[in-house]
mmCIF file of all heavy atoms, coordinates in Angstrom:
data_MODEL
# 
_entry.id   MODEL 
# 
loop_
_atom_site.group_PDB 
_atom_site.id 
_atom_site.type_symbol 
_atom_site.label_atom_id 
_atom_site.label_alt_id 
_atom_site.label_comp_id 
_atom_site.label_asym_id 
_atom_site.label_entity_id 
_atom_site.label_seq_id 
_atom_site.pdbx_PDB_ins_code 
_atom_site.Cartn_x 
_atom_site.Cartn_y 
_atom_site.Cartn_z 
_atom_site.occupancy 
_atom_site.B_iso_or_equiv 
_atom_site.pdbx_formal_charge 
_atom_site.auth_seq_id 
_atom_site.auth_comp_id 
_atom_site.auth_asym_id 
_atom_site.auth_atom_id 
_atom_site.pdbx_PDB_model_num 
ATOM 1   N N   . PHE A 1 1  ? 209.021 101.093 -48.094 1.00 0.00 ? 1  PHE A N   1 
ATOM 2   C CA  . PHE A 1 1  ? 209.746 100.013 -47.433 1.00 0.00 ? 1  PHE A CA  1 
ATOM 3   C C   . PHE A 1 1  ? 211.164 99.974  -47.975 1.00 0.00 ? 1  PHE A C   1 
ATOM 4   O O   . PHE A 1 1  ? 211.468 100.573 -49.008 1.00 0.00 ? 1  PHE A O   1 
ATOM 5   C CB  . PHE A 1 1  ? 209.042 98.673  -47.648 1.00 0.00 ? 1  PHE A CB  1 
ATOM 6   C CG  . PHE A 1 1  ? 208.859 98.307  -49.100 1.00 0.00 ? 1  PHE A CG  1 
ATOM 7   C CD1 . PHE A 1 1  ? 209.813 97.559  -49.766 1.00 0.00 ? 1  PHE A CD1 1 
ATOM 8   C CD2 . PHE A 1 1  ? 207.734 98.711  -49.799 1.00 0.00 ? 1  PHE A CD2 1 
ATOM 9   C CE1 . PHE A 1 1  ? 209.653 97.221  -51.102 1.00 0.00 ? 1  PHE A CE1 1 
ATOM 10  C CE2 . PHE A 1 1  ? 207.555 98.380  -51.130 1.00 0.00 ? 1  PHE A CE2 1 
ATOM 11  C CZ  . PHE A 1 1  ? 208.524 97.629  -51.789 1.00 0.00 ? 1  PHE A CZ  1 
ATOM 12  N N   . GLU A 1 2  ? 212.025 99.252  -47.267 1.00 0.00 ? 2  GLU A N   1 
ATOM 13  C CA  . GLU A 1 2  ? 213.417 99.081  -47.682 1.00 0.00 ? 2  GLU A CA  1 
ATOM 14  C C   . GLU A 1 2  ? 213.700 97.590  -47.844 1.00 0.00 ? 2  GLU A C   1 
ATOM 15  O O   . GLU A 1 2  ? 213.498 96.817  -46.908 1.00 0.00 ? 2  GLU A O   1 
ATOM 16  C CB  . GLU A 1 2  ? 214.342 99.672  -46.623 1.00 0.00 ? 2  GLU A CB  1 
ATOM 17  C CG  . GLU A 1 2  ? 215.811 99.521  -46.940 1.00 0.00 ? 2  GLU A CG  1 
ATOM 18  C CD  . GLU A 1 2  ? 216.703 100.083 -45.850 1.00 0.00 ? 2  GLU A CD  1 
ATOM 19  O OE1 . GLU A 1 2  ? 216.242 100.905 -45.035 1.00 0.00 ? 2  GLU A OE1 1 
ATOM 20  O OE2 . GLU A 1 2  ? 217.878 99.680  -45.816 1.00 0.00 ? 2  GLU A OE2 1 
ATOM 21  N N   . VAL A 1 3  ? 214.156 97.205  -49.020 1.00 0.00 ? 3  VAL A N   1 
ATOM 22  C CA  . VAL A 1 3  ? 214.517 95.813  -49.269 1.00 0.00 ? 3  VAL A CA  1 
ATOM 23  C C   . VAL A 1 3  ? 215.916 95.574  -48.704 1.00 0.00 ? 3  VAL A C   1 
ATOM 24  O O   . VAL A 1 3  ? 216.849 96.306  -49.008 1.00 0.00 ? 3  VAL A O   1 
ATOM 25  C CB  . VAL A 1 3  ? 214.487 95.484  -50.783 1.00 0.00 ? 3  VAL A CB  1 
ATOM 26  C CG1 . VAL A 1 3  ? 214.980 94.071  -51.048 1.00 0.00 ? 3  VAL A CG1 1 
ATOM 27  C CG2 . VAL A 1 3  ? 213.079 95.685  -51.330 1.00 0.00 ? 3  VAL A CG2 1 
ATOM 28  N N   . CYS A 1 4  ? 216.049 94.549  -47.865 1.00 0.00 ? 4  CYS A N   1 
ATOM 29  C CA  . CYS A 1 4  ? 217.315 94.205  -47.225 1.00 0.00 ? 4  CYS A CA  1 
ATOM 30  C C   . CYS A 1 4  ? 217.734 92.795  -47.648 1.00 0.00 ? 4  CYS A C   1 
ATOM 31  O O   . CYS A 1 4  ? 217.055 92.150  -48.436 1.00 0.00 ? 4  CYS A O   1 
ATOM 32  C CB  . CYS A 1 4  ? 217.178 94.285  -45.714 1.00 0.00 ? 4  CYS A CB  1 
ATOM 33  S SG  . CYS A 1 4  ? 216.735 95.931  -45.119 1.00 0.00 ? 4  CYS A SG  1 
ATOM 34  N N   . GLU A 1 5  ? 218.819 92.326  -47.101 1.00 0.00 ? 5  GLU A N   1 
ATOM 35  C CA  . GLU A 1 5  ? 219.378 91.026  -47.455 1.00 0.00 ? 5  GLU A CA  1 
ATOM 36  C C   . GLU A 1 5  ? 218.430 89.866  -47.148 1.00 0.00 ? 5  GLU A C   1 
ATOM 37  O O   . GLU A 1 5  ? 218.277 88.945  -47.926 1.00 0.00 ? 5  GLU A O   1 
ATOM 38  C CB  . GLU A 1 5  ? 220.699 90.830  -46.699 1.00 0.00 ? 5  GLU A CB  1 
ATOM 39  C CG  . GLU A 1 5  ? 221.467 89.603  -47.097 1.00 0.00 ? 5  GLU A CG  1 
ATOM 40  C CD  . GLU A 1 5  ? 222.150 89.718  -48.438 1.00 0.00 ? 5  GLU A CD  1 
ATOM 41  O OE1 . GLU A 1 5  ? 222.248 90.831  -48.992 1.00 0.00 ? 5  GLU A OE1 1 
ATOM 42  O OE2 . GLU A 1 5  ? 222.589 88.682  -48.936 1.00 0.00 ? 5  GLU A OE2 1 
ATOM 43  N N   . ARG A 1 6  ? 217.807 89.913  -45.962 1.00 0.00 ? 6  ARG A N   1 
ATOM 44  C CA  . ARG A 1 6  ? 216.987 88.786  -45.519 1.00 0.00 ? 6  ARG A CA  1 
ATOM 45  C C   . ARG A 1 6  ? 215.524 89.154  -45.294 1.00 0.00 ? 6  ARG A C   1 
ATOM 46  O O   . ARG A 1 6  ? 214.772 88.406  -44.697 1.00 0.00 ? 6  ARG A O   1 
ATOM 47  C CB  . ARG A 1 6  ? 217.585 88.216  -44.226 1.00 0.00 ? 6  ARG A CB  1 
ATOM 48  C CG  . ARG A 1 6  ? 218.959 87.630  -44.435 1.00 0.00 ? 6  ARG A CG  1 
ATOM 49  C CD  . ARG A 1 6  ? 219.594 87.145  -43.146 1.00 0.00 ? 6  ARG A CD  1 
ATOM 50  N NE  . ARG A 1 6  ? 220.072 88.203  -42.282 1.00 0.00 ? 6  ARG A NE  1 
ATOM 51  C CZ  . ARG A 1 6  ? 221.300 88.741  -42.352 1.00 0.00 ? 6  ARG A CZ  1 
ATOM 52  N NH1 . ARG A 1 6  ? 222.147 88.301  -43.246 1.00 0.00 ? 6  ARG A NH1 1 
ATOM 53  N NH2 . ARG A 1 6  ? 221.659 89.691  -41.518 1.00 0.00 ? 6  ARG A NH2 1 
ATOM 54  N N   . GLY A 1 7  ? 215.111 90.331  -45.752 1.00 0.00 ? 7  GLY A N   1 
ATOM 55  C CA  . GLY A 1 7  ? 213.730 90.731  -45.560 1.00 0.00 ? 7  GLY A CA  1 
ATOM 56  C C   . GLY A 1 7  ? 213.498 92.181  -45.939 1.00 0.00 ? 7  GLY A C   1 
ATOM 57  O O   . GLY A 1 7  ? 214.311 92.806  -46.601 1.00 0.00 ? 7  GLY A O   1 
ATOM 58  N N   . VAL A 1 8  ? 212.387 92.697  -45.471 1.00 0.00 ? 8  VAL A N   1 
ATOM 59  C CA  . VAL A 1 8  ? 211.940 94.045  -45.802 1.00 0.00 ? 8  VAL A CA  1 
ATOM 60  C C   . VAL A 1 8  ? 211.703 94.809  -44.503 1.00 0.00 ? 8  VAL A C   1 
ATOM 61  O O   . VAL A 1 8  ? 211.100 94.280  -43.569 1.00 0.00 ? 8  VAL A O   1 
ATOM 62  C CB  . VAL A 1 8  ? 210.633 93.988  -46.633 1.00 0.00 ? 8  VAL A CB  1 
ATOM 63  C CG1 . VAL A 1 8  ? 210.048 95.353  -46.843 1.00 0.00 ? 8  VAL A CG1 1 
ATOM 64  C CG2 . VAL A 1 8  ? 210.891 93.290  -47.960 1.00 0.00 ? 8  VAL A CG2 1 
ATOM 65  N N   . LEU A 1 9  ? 212.179 96.048  -44.454 1.00 0.00 ? 9  LEU A N   1 
ATOM 66  C CA  . LEU A 1 9  ? 211.974 96.916  -43.296 1.00 0.00 ? 9  LEU A CA  1 
ATOM 67  C C   . LEU A 1 9  ? 210.984 98.022  -43.619 1.00 0.00 ? 9  LEU A C   1 
ATOM 68  O O   . LEU A 1 9  ? 210.990 98.558  -44.724 1.00 0.00 ? 9  LEU A O   1 
ATOM 69  C CB  . LEU A 1 9  ? 213.291 97.587  -42.893 1.00 0.00 ? 9  LEU A CB  1 
ATOM 70  C CG  . LEU A 1 9  ? 214.247 96.789  -42.041 1.00 0.00 ? 9  LEU A CG  1 
ATOM 71  C CD1 . LEU A 1 9  ? 215.532 97.574  -41.835 1.00 0.00 ? 9  LEU A CD1 1 
ATOM 72  C CD2 . LEU A 1 9  ? 213.629 96.424  -40.716 1.00 0.00 ? 9  LEU A CD2 1 
ATOM 73  N N   . VAL A 1 10 ? 210.161 98.349  -42.626 1.00 0.00 ? 10 VAL A N   1 
ATOM 74  C CA  . VAL A 1 10 ? 209.249 99.478  -42.735 1.00 0.00 ? 10 VAL A CA  1 
ATOM 75  C C   . VAL A 1 10 ? 209.348 100.290 -41.448 1.00 0.00 ? 10 VAL A C   1 
ATOM 76  O O   . VAL A 1 10 ? 209.842 99.805  -40.434 1.00 0.00 ? 10 VAL A O   1 
ATOM 77  C CB  . VAL A 1 10 ? 207.790 99.025  -42.965 1.00 0.00 ? 10 VAL A CB  1 
ATOM 78  C CG1 . VAL A 1 10 ? 207.663 98.226  -44.235 1.00 0.00 ? 10 VAL A CG1 1 
ATOM 79  C CG2 . VAL A 1 10 ? 207.264 98.228  -41.784 1.00 0.00 ? 10 VAL A CG2 1 
ATOM 80  N N   . ASN A 1 11 ? 208.889 101.520 -41.493 1.00 0.00 ? 11 ASN A N   1 
ATOM 81  C CA  . ASN A 1 11 ? 208.859 102.344 -40.286 1.00 0.00 ? 11 ASN A CA  1 
ATOM 82  C C   . ASN A 1 11 ? 207.836 101.806 -39.299 1.00 0.00 ? 11 ASN A C   1 
ATOM 83  O O   . ASN A 1 11 ? 206.838 101.194 -39.688 1.00 0.00 ? 11 ASN A O   1 
ATOM 84  C CB  . ASN A 1 11 ? 208.506 103.797 -40.627 1.00 0.00 ? 11 ASN A CB  1 
ATOM 85  C CG  . ASN A 1 11 ? 209.661 104.543 -41.245 1.00 0.00 ? 11 ASN A CG  1 
ATOM 86  O OD1 . ASN A 1 11 ? 210.813 104.313 -40.904 1.00 0.00 ? 11 ASN A OD1 1 
ATOM 87  N ND2 . ASN A 1 11 ? 209.346 105.433 -42.168 1.00 0.00 ? 11 ASN A ND2 1 
ATOM 88  N N   . ARG A 1 12 ? 208.093 102.095 -38.032 1.00 0.00 ? 12 ARG A N   1 
ATOM 89  C CA  . ARG A 1 12 ? 207.156 101.732 -36.972 1.00 0.00 ? 12 ARG A CA  1 
ATOM 90  C C   . ARG A 1 12 ? 205.818 102.429 -37.237 1.00 0.00 ? 12 ARG A C   1 
ATOM 91  O O   . ARG A 1 12 ? 205.781 103.563 -37.733 1.00 0.00 ? 12 ARG A O   1 
ATOM 92  C CB  . ARG A 1 12 ? 207.742 102.196 -35.639 1.00 0.00 ? 12 ARG A CB  1 
ATOM 93  C CG  . ARG A 1 12 ? 206.893 101.932 -34.453 1.00 0.00 ? 12 ARG A CG  1 
ATOM 94  C CD  . ARG A 1 12 ? 207.624 102.288 -33.195 1.00 0.00 ? 12 ARG A CD  1 
ATOM 95  N NE  . ARG A 1 12 ? 208.351 103.535 -33.332 1.00 0.00 ? 12 ARG A NE  1 
ATOM 96  C CZ  . ARG A 1 12 ? 208.174 104.575 -32.557 1.00 0.00 ? 12 ARG A CZ  1 
ATOM 97  N NH1 . ARG A 1 12 ? 207.313 104.531 -31.591 1.00 0.00 ? 12 ARG A NH1 1 
ATOM 98  N NH2 . ARG A 1 12 ? 208.881 105.675 -32.738 1.00 0.00 ? 12 ARG A NH2 1 
ATOM 99  N N   . ASP A 1 13 ? 204.749 101.756 -36.944 1.00 0.00 ? 13 ASP A N   1 
ATOM 100 C CA  . ASP A 1 13 ? 203.386 102.302 -37.094 1.00 0.00 ? 13 ASP A CA  1 
ATOM 101 C C   . ASP A 1 13 ? 203.039 102.661 -38.537 1.00 0.00 ? 13 ASP A C   1 
ATOM 102 O O   . ASP A 1 13 ? 202.268 103.593 -38.778 1.00 0.00 ? 13 ASP A O   1 
ATOM 103 C CB  . ASP A 1 13 ? 203.186 103.537 -36.205 1.00 0.00 ? 13 ASP A CB  1 
ATOM 104 C CG  . ASP A 1 13 ? 203.294 103.208 -34.732 1.00 0.00 ? 13 ASP A CG  1 
ATOM 105 O OD1 . ASP A 1 13 ? 202.883 102.096 -34.343 1.00 0.00 ? 13 ASP A OD1 1 
ATOM 106 O OD2 . ASP A 1 13 ? 203.791 104.062 -33.971 1.00 0.00 ? 13 ASP A OD2 1 
ATOM 107 N N   . ASP A 1 14 ? 203.605 101.950 -39.498 1.00 0.00 ? 14 ASP A N   1 
ATOM 108 C CA  . ASP A 1 14 ? 203.344 102.242 -40.912 1.00 0.00 ? 14 ASP A CA  1 
ATOM 109 C C   . ASP A 1 14 ? 202.677 101.038 -41.569 1.00 0.00 ? 14 ASP A C   1 
ATOM 110 O O   . ASP A 1 14 ? 203.324 100.213 -42.212 1.00 0.00 ? 14 ASP A O   1 
ATOM 111 C CB  . ASP A 1 14 ? 204.651 102.599 -41.626 1.00 0.00 ? 14 ASP A CB  1 
ATOM 112 C CG  . ASP A 1 14 ? 204.437 103.052 -43.063 1.00 0.00 ? 14 ASP A CG  1 
ATOM 113 O OD1 . ASP A 1 14 ? 203.271 103.088 -43.517 1.00 0.00 ? 14 ASP A OD1 1 
ATOM 114 O OD2 . ASP A 1 14 ? 205.438 103.345 -43.734 1.00 0.00 ? 14 ASP A OD2 1 
ATOM 115 N N   . ALA A 1 15 ? 201.365 100.938 -41.384 1.00 0.00 ? 15 ALA A N   1 
ATOM 116 C CA  . ALA A 1 15 ? 200.617 99.809  -41.939 1.00 0.00 ? 15 ALA A CA  1 
ATOM 117 C C   . ALA A 1 15 ? 200.677 99.782  -43.457 1.00 0.00 ? 15 ALA A C   1 
ATOM 118 O O   . ALA A 1 15 ? 200.792 98.714  -44.066 1.00 0.00 ? 15 ALA A O   1 
ATOM 119 C CB  . ALA A 1 15 ? 199.169 99.846  -41.455 1.00 0.00 ? 15 ALA A CB  1 
ATOM 120 N N   . ALA A 1 16 ? 200.634 100.956 -44.095 1.00 0.00 ? 16 ALA A N   1 
ATOM 121 C CA  . ALA A 1 16 ? 200.687 101.003 -45.556 1.00 0.00 ? 16 ALA A CA  1 
ATOM 122 C C   . ALA A 1 16 ? 202.045 100.513 -46.063 1.00 0.00 ? 16 ALA A C   1 
ATOM 123 O O   . ALA A 1 16 ? 202.116 99.770  -47.042 1.00 0.00 ? 16 ALA A O   1 
ATOM 124 C CB  . ALA A 1 16 ? 200.417 102.422 -46.057 1.00 0.00 ? 16 ALA A CB  1 
ATOM 125 N N   . GLY A 1 17 ? 203.124 100.926 -45.403 1.00 0.00 ? 17 GLY A N   1 
ATOM 126 C CA  . GLY A 1 17 ? 204.457 100.457 -45.791 1.00 0.00 ? 17 GLY A CA  1 
ATOM 127 C C   . GLY A 1 17 ? 204.597 98.962  -45.592 1.00 0.00 ? 17 GLY A C   1 
ATOM 128 O O   . GLY A 1 17 ? 205.170 98.264  -46.426 1.00 0.00 ? 17 GLY A O   1 
ATOM 129 N N   . PHE A 1 18 ? 204.045 98.455  -44.484 1.00 0.00 ? 18 PHE A N   1 
ATOM 130 C CA  . PHE A 1 18 ? 204.090 97.022  -44.218 1.00 0.00 ? 18 PHE A CA  1 
ATOM 131 C C   . PHE A 1 18 ? 203.353 96.260  -45.318 1.00 0.00 ? 18 PHE A C   1 
ATOM 132 O O   . PHE A 1 18 ? 203.863 95.274  -45.854 1.00 0.00 ? 18 PHE A O   1 
ATOM 133 C CB  . PHE A 1 18 ? 203.475 96.726  -42.848 1.00 0.00 ? 18 PHE A CB  1 
ATOM 134 C CG  . PHE A 1 18 ? 203.723 95.333  -42.365 1.00 0.00 ? 18 PHE A CG  1 
ATOM 135 C CD1 . PHE A 1 18 ? 204.813 95.058  -41.565 1.00 0.00 ? 18 PHE A CD1 1 
ATOM 136 C CD2 . PHE A 1 18 ? 202.874 94.303  -42.716 1.00 0.00 ? 18 PHE A CD2 1 
ATOM 137 C CE1 . PHE A 1 18 ? 205.046 93.770  -41.119 1.00 0.00 ? 18 PHE A CE1 1 
ATOM 138 C CE2 . PHE A 1 18 ? 203.104 93.009  -42.283 1.00 0.00 ? 18 PHE A CE2 1 
ATOM 139 C CZ  . PHE A 1 18 ? 204.194 92.738  -41.475 1.00 0.00 ? 18 PHE A CZ  1 
ATOM 140 N N   . ALA A 1 19 ? 202.165 96.728  -45.666 1.00 0.00 ? 19 ALA A N   1 
ATOM 141 C CA  . ALA A 1 19 ? 201.372 96.068  -46.706 1.00 0.00 ? 19 ALA A CA  1 
ATOM 142 C C   . ALA A 1 19 ? 202.107 96.101  -48.051 1.00 0.00 ? 19 ALA A C   1 
ATOM 143 O O   . ALA A 1 19 ? 202.135 95.098  -48.769 1.00 0.00 ? 19 ALA A O   1 
ATOM 144 C CB  . ALA A 1 19 ? 200.002 96.734  -46.831 1.00 0.00 ? 19 ALA A CB  1 
ATOM 145 N N   . ARG A 1 20 ? 202.716 97.238  -48.389 1.00 0.00 ? 20 ARG A N   1 
ATOM 146 C CA  . ARG A 1 20 ? 203.444 97.334  -49.663 1.00 0.00 ? 20 ARG A CA  1 
ATOM 147 C C   . ARG A 1 20 ? 204.678 96.430  -49.662 1.00 0.00 ? 20 ARG A C   1 
ATOM 148 O O   . ARG A 1 20 ? 205.007 95.820  -50.677 1.00 0.00 ? 20 ARG A O   1 
ATOM 149 C CB  . ARG A 1 20 ? 203.835 98.779  -49.941 1.00 0.00 ? 20 ARG A CB  1 
ATOM 150 C CG  . ARG A 1 20 ? 202.671 99.614  -50.388 1.00 0.00 ? 20 ARG A CG  1 
ATOM 151 C CD  . ARG A 1 20 ? 203.093 101.000 -50.852 1.00 0.00 ? 20 ARG A CD  1 
ATOM 152 N NE  . ARG A 1 20 ? 201.936 101.719 -51.325 1.00 0.00 ? 20 ARG A NE  1 
ATOM 153 C CZ  . ARG A 1 20 ? 201.372 102.724 -50.662 1.00 0.00 ? 20 ARG A CZ  1 
ATOM 154 N NH1 . ARG A 1 20 ? 201.878 103.143 -49.515 1.00 0.00 ? 20 ARG A NH1 1 
ATOM 155 N NH2 . ARG A 1 20 ? 200.301 103.330 -51.156 1.00 0.00 ? 20 ARG A NH2 1 
ATOM 156 N N   . GLY A 1 21 ? 205.371 96.355  -48.522 1.00 0.00 ? 21 GLY A N   1 
ATOM 157 C CA  . GLY A 1 21 ? 206.527 95.468  -48.427 1.00 0.00 ? 21 GLY A CA  1 
ATOM 158 C C   . GLY A 1 21 ? 206.127 94.013  -48.585 1.00 0.00 ? 21 GLY A C   1 
ATOM 159 O O   . GLY A 1 21 ? 206.777 93.243  -49.289 1.00 0.00 ? 21 GLY A O   1 
ATOM 160 N N   . LEU A 1 22 ? 205.044 93.631  -47.947 1.00 0.00 ? 22 LEU A N   1 
ATOM 161 C CA  . LEU A 1 22 ? 204.530 92.264  -48.064 1.00 0.00 ? 22 LEU A CA  1 
ATOM 162 C C   . LEU A 1 22 ? 204.110 91.972  -49.500 1.00 0.00 ? 22 LEU A C   1 
ATOM 163 O O   . LEU A 1 22 ? 204.450 90.921  -50.062 1.00 0.00 ? 22 LEU A O   1 
ATOM 164 C CB  . LEU A 1 22 ? 203.360 92.072  -47.103 1.00 0.00 ? 22 LEU A CB  1 
ATOM 165 C CG  . LEU A 1 22 ? 202.786 90.683  -46.979 1.00 0.00 ? 22 LEU A CG  1 
ATOM 166 C CD1 . LEU A 1 22 ? 203.851 89.683  -46.552 1.00 0.00 ? 22 LEU A CD1 1 
ATOM 167 C CD2 . LEU A 1 22 ? 201.643 90.683  -45.976 1.00 0.00 ? 22 LEU A CD2 1 
ATOM 168 N N   . LYS A 1 23 ? 203.423 92.911  -50.124 1.00 0.00 ? 23 LYS A N   1 
ATOM 169 C CA  . LYS A 1 23 ? 203.001 92.725  -51.522 1.00 0.00 ? 23 LYS A CA  1 
ATOM 170 C C   . LYS A 1 23 ? 204.215 92.606  -52.435 1.00 0.00 ? 23 LYS A C   1 
ATOM 171 O O   . LYS A 1 23 ? 204.207 91.815  -53.382 1.00 0.00 ? 23 LYS A O   1 
ATOM 172 C CB  . LYS A 1 23 ? 202.102 93.872  -51.972 1.00 0.00 ? 23 LYS A CB  1 
ATOM 173 C CG  . LYS A 1 23 ? 201.579 93.676  -53.394 1.00 0.00 ? 23 LYS A CG  1 
ATOM 174 C CD  . LYS A 1 23 ? 200.555 94.705  -53.746 1.00 0.00 ? 23 LYS A CD  1 
ATOM 175 C CE  . LYS A 1 23 ? 199.946 94.552  -55.117 1.00 0.00 ? 23 LYS A CE  1 
ATOM 176 N NZ  . LYS A 1 23 ? 200.669 93.888  -56.148 1.00 0.00 ? 23 LYS A NZ  1 
ATOM 177 N N   . HIS A 1 24 ? 205.269 93.368  -52.150 1.00 0.00 ? 24 HIS A N   1 
ATOM 178 C CA  . HIS A 1 24 ? 206.493 93.285  -52.952 1.00 0.00 ? 24 HIS A CA  1 
ATOM 179 C C   . HIS A 1 24 ? 207.055 91.860  -52.925 1.00 0.00 ? 24 HIS A C   1 
ATOM 180 O O   . HIS A 1 24 ? 207.466 91.329  -53.955 1.00 0.00 ? 24 HIS A O   1 
ATOM 181 C CB  . HIS A 1 24 ? 207.522 94.284  -52.426 1.00 0.00 ? 24 HIS A CB  1 
ATOM 182 C CG  . HIS A 1 24 ? 208.781 94.320  -53.220 1.00 0.00 ? 24 HIS A CG  1 
ATOM 183 N ND1 . HIS A 1 24 ? 208.853 94.893  -54.472 1.00 0.00 ? 24 HIS A ND1 1 
ATOM 184 C CD2 . HIS A 1 24 ? 210.027 93.839  -52.954 1.00 0.00 ? 24 HIS A CD2 1 
ATOM 185 C CE1 . HIS A 1 24 ? 210.082 94.770  -54.944 1.00 0.00 ? 24 HIS A CE1 1 
ATOM 186 N NE2 . HIS A 1 24 ? 210.815 94.138  -54.031 1.00 0.00 ? 24 HIS A NE2 1 
ATOM 187 N N   . LEU A 1 25 ? 207.047 91.238  -51.762 1.00 0.00 ? 25 LEU A N   1 
ATOM 188 C CA  . LEU A 1 25 ? 207.534 89.853  -51.668 1.00 0.00 ? 25 LEU A CA  1 
ATOM 189 C C   . LEU A 1 25 ? 206.602 88.883  -52.396 1.00 0.00 ? 25 LEU A C   1 
ATOM 190 O O   . LEU A 1 25 ? 207.067 87.957  -53.055 1.00 0.00 ? 25 LEU A O   1 
ATOM 191 C CB  . LEU A 1 25 ? 207.697 89.444  -50.208 1.00 0.00 ? 25 LEU A CB  1 
ATOM 192 C CG  . LEU A 1 25 ? 208.814 90.139  -49.451 1.00 0.00 ? 25 LEU A CG  1 
ATOM 193 C CD1 . LEU A 1 25 ? 208.849 89.659  -48.003 1.00 0.00 ? 25 LEU A CD1 1 
ATOM 194 C CD2 . LEU A 1 25 ? 210.157 89.911  -50.120 1.00 0.00 ? 25 LEU A CD2 1 
ATOM 195 N N   . ILE A 1 26 ? 205.305 89.104  -52.270 1.00 0.00 ? 26 ILE A N   1 
ATOM 196 C CA  . ILE A 1 26 ? 204.344 88.236  -52.962 1.00 0.00 ? 26 ILE A CA  1 
ATOM 197 C C   . ILE A 1 26 ? 204.507 88.361  -54.476 1.00 0.00 ? 26 ILE A C   1 
ATOM 198 O O   . ILE A 1 26 ? 204.454 87.370  -55.203 1.00 0.00 ? 26 ILE A O   1 
ATOM 199 C CB  . ILE A 1 26 ? 202.901 88.575  -52.526 1.00 0.00 ? 26 ILE A CB  1 
ATOM 200 C CG1 . ILE A 1 26 ? 202.710 88.172  -51.062 1.00 0.00 ? 26 ILE A CG1 1 
ATOM 201 C CG2 . ILE A 1 26 ? 201.881 87.906  -53.438 1.00 0.00 ? 26 ILE A CG2 1 
ATOM 202 C CD1 . ILE A 1 26 ? 201.436 88.706  -50.433 1.00 0.00 ? 26 ILE A CD1 1 
ATOM 203 N N   . ASP A 1 27 ? 204.738 89.579  -54.951 1.00 0.00 ? 27 ASP A N   1 
ATOM 204 C CA  . ASP A 1 27 ? 204.889 89.833  -56.383 1.00 0.00 ? 27 ASP A CA  1 
ATOM 205 C C   . ASP A 1 27 ? 206.251 89.401  -56.924 1.00 0.00 ? 27 ASP A C   1 
ATOM 206 O O   . ASP A 1 27 ? 206.432 89.340  -58.149 1.00 0.00 ? 27 ASP A O   1 
ATOM 207 C CB  . ASP A 1 27 ? 204.693 91.316  -56.698 1.00 0.00 ? 27 ASP A CB  1 
ATOM 208 C CG  . ASP A 1 27 ? 203.260 91.777  -56.500 1.00 0.00 ? 27 ASP A CG  1 
ATOM 209 O OD1 . ASP A 1 27 ? 202.352 90.918  -56.432 1.00 0.00 ? 27 ASP A OD1 1 
ATOM 210 O OD2 . ASP A 1 27 ? 203.051 93.008  -56.404 1.00 0.00 ? 27 ASP A OD2 1 
# 
C-alpha cells in the first residue's frame, strides 16, 4: 500500500494490500 496525505492507496483487485493498509491505520 501507499500512505498518502488523507488515506492509503492500494492497487485495484488487491485484497491483501487493502487489508495491510487498513491494519496499518489500525496499528
